[in-house]
Amino acid sequence: MAQGKLKVKSKCPPSVKQKKKQTKGPAISKRSNRPMKPKKNKNSEASKLKKMITKTVNKSVEEEIRNRALPAQNLSKIQEAIAKHNKT
């Protein structure tokens, strides 16, 4: 059982004005007429260029290594056809 009197919340007199809560605006305000390019296109173009460069470098290095290693060996006609097909 509760002992003592219950506490009653005090009320402010009507002459005192209450504070108004301020509403916050948007966190980021952007101009609606300012065009912005998406970052995805820029990153995808850079990655395509990077892939193309690595592909060409790897191909040229592989061809150079083959040229150093293969002159001593005689390839069969099937192996020559496969090598010719891989070069193109």
PDB file of N, CA and C in Angstrom:
ATOM      1  N   MET A   1       0.834  -1.173   0.000  1.00  0.00           N
ATOM      2  CA  MET A   1       0.000   0.000   0.000  1.00  0.00           C
ATOM      3  C   MET A   1       0.887   1.247   0.000  1.00  0.00           C
ATOM      4  N   ALA A   2       0.388   2.246  -0.662  1.00  0.00           N
ATOM      5  CA  ALA A   2       1.135   3.487  -0.747  1.00  0.00           C
ATOM      6  C   ALA A   2       0.985   4.259   0.549  1.00  0.00           C
ATOM      7  N   GLN A   3       2.090   4.824   0.950  1.00  0.00           N
ATOM      8  CA  GLN A   3       2.043   5.612   2.183  1.00  0.00           C
ATOM      9  C   GLN A   3       2.123   7.088   1.852  1.00  0.00           C
ATOM     10  N   GLY A   4       1.393   7.878   2.469  1.00  0.00           N
ATOM     11  CA  GLY A   4       1.428   9.317   2.257  1.00  0.00           C
ATOM     12  C   GLY A   4       0.501   9.731   1.132  1.00  0.00           C
ATOM     13  N   LYS A   5       0.537  11.016   0.845  1.00  0.00           N
ATOM     14  CA  LYS A   5      -0.352  11.570  -0.177  1.00  0.00           C
ATOM     15  C   LYS A   5       0.264  11.350  -1.568  1.00  0.00           C
ATOM     16  N   LEU A   6      -0.582  11.281  -2.585  1.00  0.00           N
ATOM     17  CA  LEU A   6      -0.108  11.214  -3.965  1.00  0.00           C
ATOM     18  C   LEU A   6       0.327  12.601  -4.395  1.00  0.00           C
ATOM     19  N   LYS A   7       1.425  12.631  -5.193  1.00  0.00           N
ATOM     20  CA  LYS A   7       1.914  13.921  -5.670  1.00  0.00           C
ATOM     21  C   LYS A   7       1.071  14.370  -6.850  1.00  0.00           C
ATOM     22  N   VAL A   8       0.737  15.642  -6.839  1.00  0.00           N
ATOM     23  CA  VAL A   8      -0.050  16.222  -7.913  1.00  0.00           C
ATOM     24  C   VAL A   8       0.874  17.128  -8.710  1.00  0.00           C
ATOM     25  N   LYS A   9       0.832  16.992 -10.045  1.00  0.00           N
ATOM     26  CA  LYS A   9       1.663  17.857 -10.889  1.00  0.00           C
ATOM     27  C   LYS A   9       1.142  19.282 -10.806  1.00  0.00           C
ATOM     28  N   SER A  10       2.082  20.207 -10.649  1.00  0.00           N
ATOM     29  CA  SER A  10       1.674  21.608 -10.551  1.00  0.00           C
ATOM     30  C   SER A  10       1.435  22.174 -11.942  1.00  0.00           C
ATOM     31  N   LYS A  11       0.512  23.043 -12.057  1.00  0.00           N
ATOM     32  CA  LYS A  11       0.190  23.667 -13.324  1.00  0.00           C
ATOM     33  C   LYS A  11       0.656  25.101 -13.297  1.00  0.00           C
ATOM     34  N   CYS A  12       1.114  25.591 -14.466  1.00  0.00           N
ATOM     35  CA  CYS A  12       1.554  26.970 -14.577  1.00  0.00           C
ATOM     36  C   CYS A  12       0.334  27.882 -14.609  1.00  0.00           C
ATOM     37  N   PRO A  13       0.504  29.069 -14.084  1.00  0.00           N
ATOM     38  CA  PRO A  13      -0.616  30.009 -14.159  1.00  0.00           C
ATOM     39  C   PRO A  13      -0.901  30.374 -15.615  1.00  0.00           C
ATOM     40  N   PRO A  14      -2.117  30.700 -15.940  1.00  0.00           N
ATOM     41  CA  PRO A  14      -2.478  30.999 -17.341  1.00  0.00           C
ATOM     42  C   PRO A  14      -1.791  32.234 -17.907  1.00  0.00           C
ATOM     43  N   SER A  15      -1.261  33.089 -17.051  1.00  0.00           N
ATOM     44  CA  SER A  15      -0.612  34.299 -17.555  1.00  0.00           C
ATOM     45  C   SER A  15       0.774  33.998 -18.152  1.00  0.00           C
ATOM     46  N   VAL A  16       1.383  32.858 -17.776  1.00  0.00           N
ATOM     47  CA  VAL A  16       2.715  32.507 -18.290  1.00  0.00           C
ATOM     48  C   VAL A  16       2.537  31.822 -19.641  1.00  0.00           C
ATOM     49  N   LYS A  17       3.309  32.294 -20.645  1.00  0.00           N
ATOM     50  CA  LYS A  17       3.194  31.726 -21.988  1.00  0.00           C
ATOM     51  C   LYS A  17       4.044  30.462 -22.101  1.00  0.00           C
ATOM     52  N   GLN A  18       3.514  29.501 -22.792  1.00  0.00           N
ATOM     53  CA  GLN A  18       4.244  28.251 -23.024  1.00  0.00           C
ATOM     54  C   GLN A  18       5.255  28.452 -24.161  1.00  0.00           C
ATOM     55  N   LYS A  19       6.374  27.724 -24.096  1.00  0.00           N
ATOM     56  CA  LYS A  19       7.357  27.775 -25.172  1.00  0.00           C
ATOM     57  C   LYS A  19       6.835  26.986 -26.359  1.00  0.00           C
ATOM     58  N   LYS A  20       7.062  27.528 -27.536  1.00  0.00           N
ATOM     59  CA  LYS A  20       6.648  26.836 -28.753  1.00  0.00           C
ATOM     60  C   LYS A  20       7.798  25.958 -29.236  1.00  0.00           C
ATOM     61  N   LYS A  21       7.449  24.763 -29.632  1.00  0.00           N
ATOM     62  CA  LYS A  21       8.457  23.856 -30.174  1.00  0.00           C
ATOM     63  C   LYS A  21       8.742  24.252 -31.612  1.00  0.00           C
ATOM     64  N   GLN A  22      10.041  24.329 -31.926  1.00  0.00           N
ATOM     65  CA  GLN A  22      10.412  24.701 -33.283  1.00  0.00           C
ATOM     66  C   GLN A  22      10.475  23.439 -34.140  1.00  0.00           C
ATOM     67  N   THR A  23       9.919  23.547 -35.322  1.00  0.00           N
ATOM     68  CA  THR A  23      10.001  22.419 -36.246  1.00  0.00           C
ATOM     69  C   THR A  23      11.271  22.577 -37.077  1.00  0.00           C
ATOM     70  N   LYS A  24      11.986  21.488 -37.204  1.00  0.00           N
ATOM     71  CA  LYS A  24      13.239  21.521 -37.955  1.00  0.00           C
ATOM     72  C   LYS A  24      12.940  21.358 -39.439  1.00  0.00           C
ATOM     73  N   GLY A  25      13.712  22.060 -40.251  1.00  0.00           N
ATOM     74  CA  GLY A  25      13.569  21.963 -41.695  1.00  0.00           C
ATOM     75  C   GLY A  25      14.295  20.725 -42.212  1.00  0.00           C
ATOM     76  N   PRO A  26      14.400  20.582 -43.491  1.00  0.00           N
ATOM     77  CA  PRO A  26      15.117  19.424 -44.041  1.00  0.00           C
ATOM     78  C   PRO A  26      16.600  19.473 -43.673  1.00  0.00           C
ATOM     79  N   ALA A  27      17.189  18.313 -43.474  1.00  0.00           N
ATOM     80  CA  ALA A  27      18.591  18.252 -43.058  1.00  0.00           C
ATOM     81  C   ALA A  27      19.515  18.832 -44.122  1.00  0.00           C
ATOM     82  N   ILE A  28      19.257  18.489 -45.374  1.00  0.00           N
ATOM     83  CA  ILE A  28      20.075  19.002 -46.475  1.00  0.00           C
ATOM     84  C   ILE A  28      19.154  19.705 -47.450  1.00  0.00           C
ATOM     85  N   SER A  29      19.458  20.950 -47.727  1.00  0.00           N
ATOM     86  CA  SER A  29      18.633  21.668 -48.694  1.00  0.00           C
ATOM     87  C   SER A  29      19.398  21.762 -50.005  1.00  0.00           C
ATOM     88  N   LYS A  30      18.821  21.205 -51.049  1.00  0.00           N
ATOM     89  CA  LYS A  30      19.447  21.244 -52.361  1.00  0.00           C
ATOM     90  C   LYS A  30      18.571  22.067 -53.293  1.00  0.00           C
ATOM     91  N   ARG A  31      19.225  22.718 -54.194  1.00  0.00           N
ATOM     92  CA  ARG A  31      18.467  23.446 -55.197  1.00  0.00           C
ATOM     93  C   ARG A  31      17.842  22.439 -56.139  1.00  0.00           C
ATOM     94  N   SER A  32      16.605  22.641 -56.456  1.00  0.00           N
ATOM     95  CA  SER A  32      15.909  21.682 -57.322  1.00  0.00           C
ATOM     96  C   SER A  32      16.344  21.814 -58.775  1.00  0.00           C
ATOM     97  N   ASN A  33      16.837  22.958 -59.178  1.00  0.00           N
ATOM     98  CA  ASN A  33      17.203  23.148 -60.584  1.00  0.00           C
ATOM     99  C   ASN A  33      18.680  22.851 -60.857  1.00  0.00           C
ATOM    100  N   ARG A  34      19.417  22.391 -59.876  1.00  0.00           N
ATOM    101  CA  ARG A  34      20.836  22.099 -60.062  1.00  0.00           C
ATOM    102  C   ARG A  34      20.992  20.645 -60.497  1.00  0.00           C
ATOM    103  N   PRO A  35      21.446  20.397 -61.707  1.00  0.00           N
ATOM    104  CA  PRO A  35      21.602  19.007 -62.141  1.00  0.00           C
ATOM    105  C   PRO A  35      22.832  18.380 -61.494  1.00  0.00           C
ATOM    106  N   MET A  36      22.703  17.148 -61.073  1.00  0.00           N
ATOM    107  CA  MET A  36      23.824  16.420 -60.460  1.00  0.00           C
ATOM    108  C   MET A  36      23.980  15.099 -61.178  1.00  0.00           C
ATOM    109  N   LYS A  37      25.173  14.832 -61.649  1.00  0.00           N
ATOM    110  CA  LYS A  37      25.428  13.566 -62.321  1.00  0.00           C
ATOM    111  C   LYS A  37      25.581  12.473 -61.271  1.00  0.00           C
ATOM    112  N   PRO A  38      25.075  11.295 -61.559  1.00  0.00           N
ATOM    113  CA  PRO A  38      25.258  10.203 -60.605  1.00  0.00           C
ATOM    114  C   PRO A  38      26.708   9.734 -60.591  1.00  0.00           C
ATOM    115  N   LYS A  39      27.176   9.346 -59.421  1.00  0.00           N
ATOM    116  CA  LYS A  39      28.562   8.907 -59.270  1.00  0.00           C
ATOM    117  C   LYS A  39      28.797   7.557 -59.927  1.00  0.00           C
ATOM    118  N   LYS A  40      27.741   6.782 -60.069  1.00  0.00           N
ATOM    119  CA  LYS A  40      27.862   5.435 -60.605  1.00  0.00           C
ATOM    120  C   LYS A  40      28.447   5.458 -62.017  1.00  0.00           C
ATOM    121  N   ASN A  41      28.008   6.402 -62.853  1.00  0.00           N
ATOM    122  CA  ASN A  41      28.510   6.475 -64.222  1.00  0.00           C
ATOM    123  C   ASN A  41      29.998   6.778 -64.246  1.00  0.00           C
ATOM    124  N   LYS A  42      30.436   7.677 -63.407  1.00  0.00           N
ATOM    125  CA  LYS A  42      31.851   8.049 -63.367  1.00  0.00           C
ATOM    126  C   LYS A  42      32.696   6.855 -62.938  1.00  0.00           C
ATOM    127  N   ASN A  43      32.242   6.143 -61.910  1.00  0.00           N
ATOM    128  CA  ASN A  43      32.991   4.992 -61.427  1.00  0.00           C
ATOM    129  C   ASN A  43      32.988   3.864 -62.439  1.00  0.00           C
ATOM    130  N   SER A  44      31.883   3.656 -63.128  1.00  0.00           N
ATOM    131  CA  SER A  44      31.818   2.562 -64.090  1.00  0.00           C
ATOM    132  C   SER A  44      32.721   2.847 -65.288  1.00  0.00           C
ATOM    133  N   GLU A  45      32.796   4.091 -65.726  1.00  0.00           N
ATOM    134  CA  GLU A  45      33.685   4.437 -66.839  1.00  0.00           C
ATOM    135  C   GLU A  45      35.142   4.213 -66.450  1.00  0.00           C
ATOM    136  N   ALA A  46      35.498   4.601 -65.245  1.00  0.00           N
ATOM    137  CA  ALA A  46      36.874   4.408 -64.779  1.00  0.00           C
ATOM    138  C   ALA A  46      37.200   2.930 -64.670  1.00  0.00           C
ATOM    139  N   SER A  47      36.261   2.138 -64.171  1.00  0.00           N
ATOM    140  CA  SER A  47      36.529   0.703 -64.034  1.00  0.00           C
ATOM    141  C   SER A  47      36.617   0.033 -65.401  1.00  0.00           C
ATOM    142  N   LYS A  48      35.821   0.471 -66.381  1.00  0.00           N
ATOM    143  CA  LYS A  48      35.906  -0.081 -67.732  1.00  0.00           C
ATOM    144  C   LYS A  48      37.269   0.209 -68.344  1.00  0.00           C
ATOM    145  N   LEU A  49      37.730   1.434 -68.173  1.00  0.00           N
ATOM    146  CA  LEU A  49      39.037   1.815 -68.703  1.00  0.00           C
ATOM    147  C   LEU A  49      40.141   1.004 -68.042  1.00  0.00           C
ATOM    148  N   LYS A  50      40.051   0.834 -66.748  1.00  0.00           N
ATOM    149  CA  LYS A  50      41.058   0.070 -66.004  1.00  0.00           C
ATOM    150  C   LYS A  50      41.078  -1.391 -66.450  1.00  0.00           C
ATOM    151  N   LYS A  51      39.891  -1.972 -66.640  1.00  0.00           N
ATOM    152  CA  LYS A  51      39.804  -3.360 -67.103  1.00  0.00           C
ATOM    153  C   LYS A  51      40.410  -3.511 -68.485  1.00  0.00           C
ATOM    154  N   MET A  52      40.130  -2.550 -69.378  1.00  0.00           N
ATOM    155  CA  MET A  52      40.661  -2.614 -70.729  1.00  0.00           C
ATOM    156  C   MET A  52      42.192  -2.553 -70.720  1.00  0.00           C
ATOM    157  N   ILE A  53      42.745  -1.683 -69.903  1.00  0.00           N
ATOM    158  CA  ILE A  53      44.203  -1.540 -69.822  1.00  0.00           C
ATOM    159  C   ILE A  53      44.841  -2.823 -69.301  1.00  0.00           C
ATOM    160  N   THR A  54      44.283  -3.372 -68.217  1.00  0.00           N
ATOM    161  CA  THR A  54      44.854  -4.601 -67.669  1.00  0.00           C
ATOM    162  C   THR A  54      44.734  -5.754 -68.650  1.00  0.00           C
ATOM    163  N   LYS A  55      43.654  -5.799 -69.391  1.00  0.00           N
ATOM    164  CA  LYS A  55      43.455  -6.857 -70.376  1.00  0.00           C
ATOM    165  C   LYS A  55      44.515  -6.793 -71.470  1.00  0.00           C
ATOM    166  N   THR A  56      44.769  -5.584 -71.993  1.00  0.00           N
ATOM    167  CA  THR A  56      45.752  -5.445 -73.061  1.00  0.00           C
ATOM    168  C   THR A  56      47.160  -5.716 -72.563  1.00  0.00           C
ATOM    169  N   VAL A  57      47.463  -5.263 -71.349  1.00  0.00           N
ATOM    170  CA  VAL A  57      48.796  -5.500 -70.788  1.00  0.00           C
ATOM    171  C   VAL A  57      49.017  -6.992 -70.561  1.00  0.00           C
ATOM    172  N   ASN A  58      48.022  -7.662 -69.985  1.00  0.00           N
ATOM    173  CA  ASN A  58      48.149  -9.102 -69.748  1.00  0.00           C
ATOM    174  C   ASN A  58      48.305  -9.871 -71.052  1.00  0.00           C
ATOM    175  N   LYS A  59      47.566  -9.462 -72.064  1.00  0.00           N
ATOM    176  CA  LYS A  59      47.636 -10.139 -73.359  1.00  0.00           C
ATOM    177  C   LYS A  59      49.021  -9.981 -73.980  1.00  0.00           C
ATOM    178  N   SER A  60      49.571  -8.761 -73.931  1.00  0.00           N
ATOM    179  CA  SER A  60      50.887  -8.525 -74.519  1.00  0.00           C
ATOM    180  C   SER A  60      51.985  -9.259 -73.747  1.00  0.00           C
ATOM    181  N   VAL A  61      51.876  -9.289 -72.420  1.00  0.00           N
ATOM    182  CA  VAL A  61      52.877 -10.000 -71.609  1.00  0.00           C
ATOM    183  C   VAL A  61      52.805 -11.503 -71.885  1.00  0.00           C
ATOM    184  N   GLU A  62      51.607 -12.031 -71.971  1.00  0.00           N
ATOM    185  CA  GLU A  62      51.433 -13.452 -72.240  1.00  0.00           C
ATOM    186  C   GLU A  62      51.988 -13.816 -73.614  1.00  0.00           C
ATOM    187  N   GLU A  63      51.749 -12.973 -74.599  1.00  0.00           N
ATOM    188  CA  GLU A  63      52.268 -13.222 -75.951  1.00  0.00           C
ATOM    189  C   GLU A  63      53.793 -13.194 -75.959  1.00  0.00           C
ATOM    190  N   GLU A  64      54.372 -12.258 -75.228  1.00  0.00           N
ATOM    191  CA  GLU A  64      55.833 -12.163 -75.164  1.00  0.00           C
ATOM    192  C   GLU A  64      56.435 -13.402 -74.510  1.00  0.00           C
ATOM    193  N   ILE A  65      55.815 -13.855 -73.443  1.00  0.00           N
ATOM    194  CA  ILE A  65      56.310 -15.062 -72.759  1.00  0.00           C
ATOM    195  C   ILE A  65      56.183 -16.284 -73.667  1.00  0.00           C
ATOM    196  N   ARG A  66      55.077 -16.382 -74.370  1.00  0.00           N
ATOM    197  CA  ARG A  66      54.907 -17.507 -75.319  1.00  0.00           C
ATOM    198  C   ARG A  66      55.970 -17.479 -76.398  1.00  0.00           C
ATOM    199  N   ASN A  67      56.262 -16.290 -76.929  1.00  0.00           N
ATOM    200  CA  ASN A  67      57.268 -16.181 -77.988  1.00  0.00           C
ATOM    201  C   ASN A  67      58.647 -16.588 -77.492  1.00  0.00           C
ATOM    202  N   ARG A  68      58.948 -16.314 -76.247  1.00  0.00           N
ATOM    203  CA  ARG A  68      60.248 -16.718 -75.689  1.00  0.00           C
ATOM    204  C   ARG A  68      60.305 -18.218 -75.436  1.00  0.00           C
ATOM    205  N   ALA A  69      59.198 -18.804 -75.038  1.00  0.00           N
ATOM    206  CA  ALA A  69      59.190 -20.208 -74.645  1.00  0.00           C
ATOM    207  C   ALA A  69      58.951 -21.158 -75.819  1.00  0.00           C
ATOM    208  N   LEU A  70      58.169 -20.764 -76.799  1.00  0.00           N
ATOM    209  CA  LEU A  70      57.718 -21.695 -77.826  1.00  0.00           C
ATOM    210  C   LEU A  70      58.620 -21.895 -79.039  1.00  0.00           C
ATOM    211  N   PRO A  71      59.548 -21.041 -79.392  1.00  0.00           N
ATOM    212  CA  PRO A  71      60.326 -21.298 -80.611  1.00  0.00           C
ATOM    213  C   PRO A  71      61.088 -22.632 -80.581  1.00  0.00           C
ATOM    214  N   ALA A  72      61.456 -23.106 -79.444  1.00  0.00           N
ATOM    215  CA  ALA A  72      62.199 -24.365 -79.348  1.00  0.00           C
ATOM    216  C   ALA A  72      61.273 -25.567 -79.556  1.00  0.00           C
ATOM    217  N   GLN A  73      59.994 -25.412 -79.320  1.00  0.00           N
ATOM    218  CA  GLN A  73      59.052 -26.517 -79.436  1.00  0.00           C
ATOM    219  C   GLN A  73      58.352 -26.485 -80.787  1.00  0.00           C
ATOM    220  N   ASN A  74      58.047 -27.676 -81.309  1.00  0.00           N
ATOM    221  CA  ASN A  74      57.245 -27.791 -82.520  1.00  0.00           C
ATOM    222  C   ASN A  74      55.812 -28.115 -82.111  1.00  0.00           C
ATOM    223  N   LEU A  75      54.900 -27.249 -82.489  1.00  0.00           N
ATOM    224  CA  LEU A  75      53.506 -27.455 -82.140  1.00  0.00           C
ATOM    225  C   LEU A  75      52.811 -28.264 -83.225  1.00  0.00           C
ATOM    226  N   SER A  76      51.820 -29.023 -82.807  1.00  0.00           N
ATOM    227  CA  SER A  76      51.008 -29.728 -83.784  1.00  0.00           C
ATOM    228  C   SER A  76      50.088 -28.729 -84.472  1.00  0.00           C
ATOM    229  N   LYS A  77      49.450 -29.160 -85.550  1.00  0.00           N
ATOM    230  CA  LYS A  77      48.571 -28.245 -86.292  1.00  0.00           C
ATOM    231  C   LYS A  77      47.396 -27.790 -85.441  1.00  0.00           C
ATOM    232  N   ILE A  78      46.892 -28.678 -84.597  1.00  0.00           N
ATOM    233  CA  ILE A  78      45.760 -28.320 -83.734  1.00  0.00           C
ATOM    234  C   ILE A  78      46.188 -27.261 -82.723  1.00  0.00           C
ATOM    235  N   GLN A  79      47.370 -27.441 -82.126  1.00  0.00           N
ATOM    236  CA  GLN A  79      47.862 -26.475 -81.143  1.00  0.00           C
ATOM    237  C   GLN A  79      48.132 -25.119 -81.800  1.00  0.00           C
ATOM    238  N   GLU A  80      48.661 -25.132 -83.031  1.00  0.00           N
ATOM    239  CA  GLU A  80      48.895 -23.880 -83.745  1.00  0.00           C
ATOM    240  C   GLU A  80      47.574 -23.159 -84.039  1.00  0.00           C
ATOM    241  N   ALA A  81      46.550 -23.925 -84.411  1.00  0.00           N
ATOM    242  CA  ALA A  81      45.245 -23.332 -84.692  1.00  0.00           C
ATOM    243  C   ALA A  81      44.649 -22.704 -83.434  1.00  0.00           C
ATOM    244  N   ILE A  82      44.808 -23.404 -82.300  1.00  0.00           N
ATOM    245  CA  ILE A  82      44.296 -22.868 -81.036  1.00  0.00           C
ATOM    246  C   ILE A  82      45.047 -21.598 -80.648  1.00  0.00           C
ATOM    247  N   ALA A  83      46.375 -21.607 -80.822  1.00  0.00           N
ATOM    248  CA  ALA A  83      47.176 -20.425 -80.485  1.00  0.00           C
ATOM    249  C   ALA A  83      46.802 -19.251 -81.376  1.00  0.00           C
ATOM    250  N   LYS A  84      46.561 -19.540 -82.669  1.00  0.00           N
ATOM    251  CA  LYS A  84      46.185 -18.479 -83.609  1.00  0.00           C
ATOM    252  C   LYS A  84      44.814 -17.918 -83.251  1.00  0.00           C
ATOM    253  N   HIS A  85      43.908 -18.813 -82.845  1.00  0.00           N
ATOM    254  CA  HIS A  85      42.560 -18.383 -82.465  1.00  0.00           C
ATOM    255  C   HIS A  85      42.595 -17.522 -81.203  1.00  0.00           C
ATOM    256  N   ASN A  86      43.466 -17.867 -80.241  1.00  0.00           N
ATOM    257  CA  ASN A  86      43.563 -17.109 -78.984  1.00  0.00           C
ATOM    258  C   ASN A  86      44.193 -15.731 -79.203  1.00  0.00           C
ATOM    259  N   LYS A  87      45.040 -15.586 -80.216  1.00  0.00           N
ATOM    260  CA  LYS A  87      45.653 -14.298 -80.487  1.00  0.00           C
ATOM    261  C   LYS A  87      44.641 -13.282 -80.982  1.00  0.00           C
ATOM    262  N   THR A  88      43.641 -13.735 -81.719  1.00  0.00           N
ATOM    263  CA  THR A  88      42.654 -12.803 -82.277  1.00  0.00           C
ATOM    264  C   THR A  88      41.508 -12.574 -81.356  1.00  0.00           C
TER     265      THR A  88
END
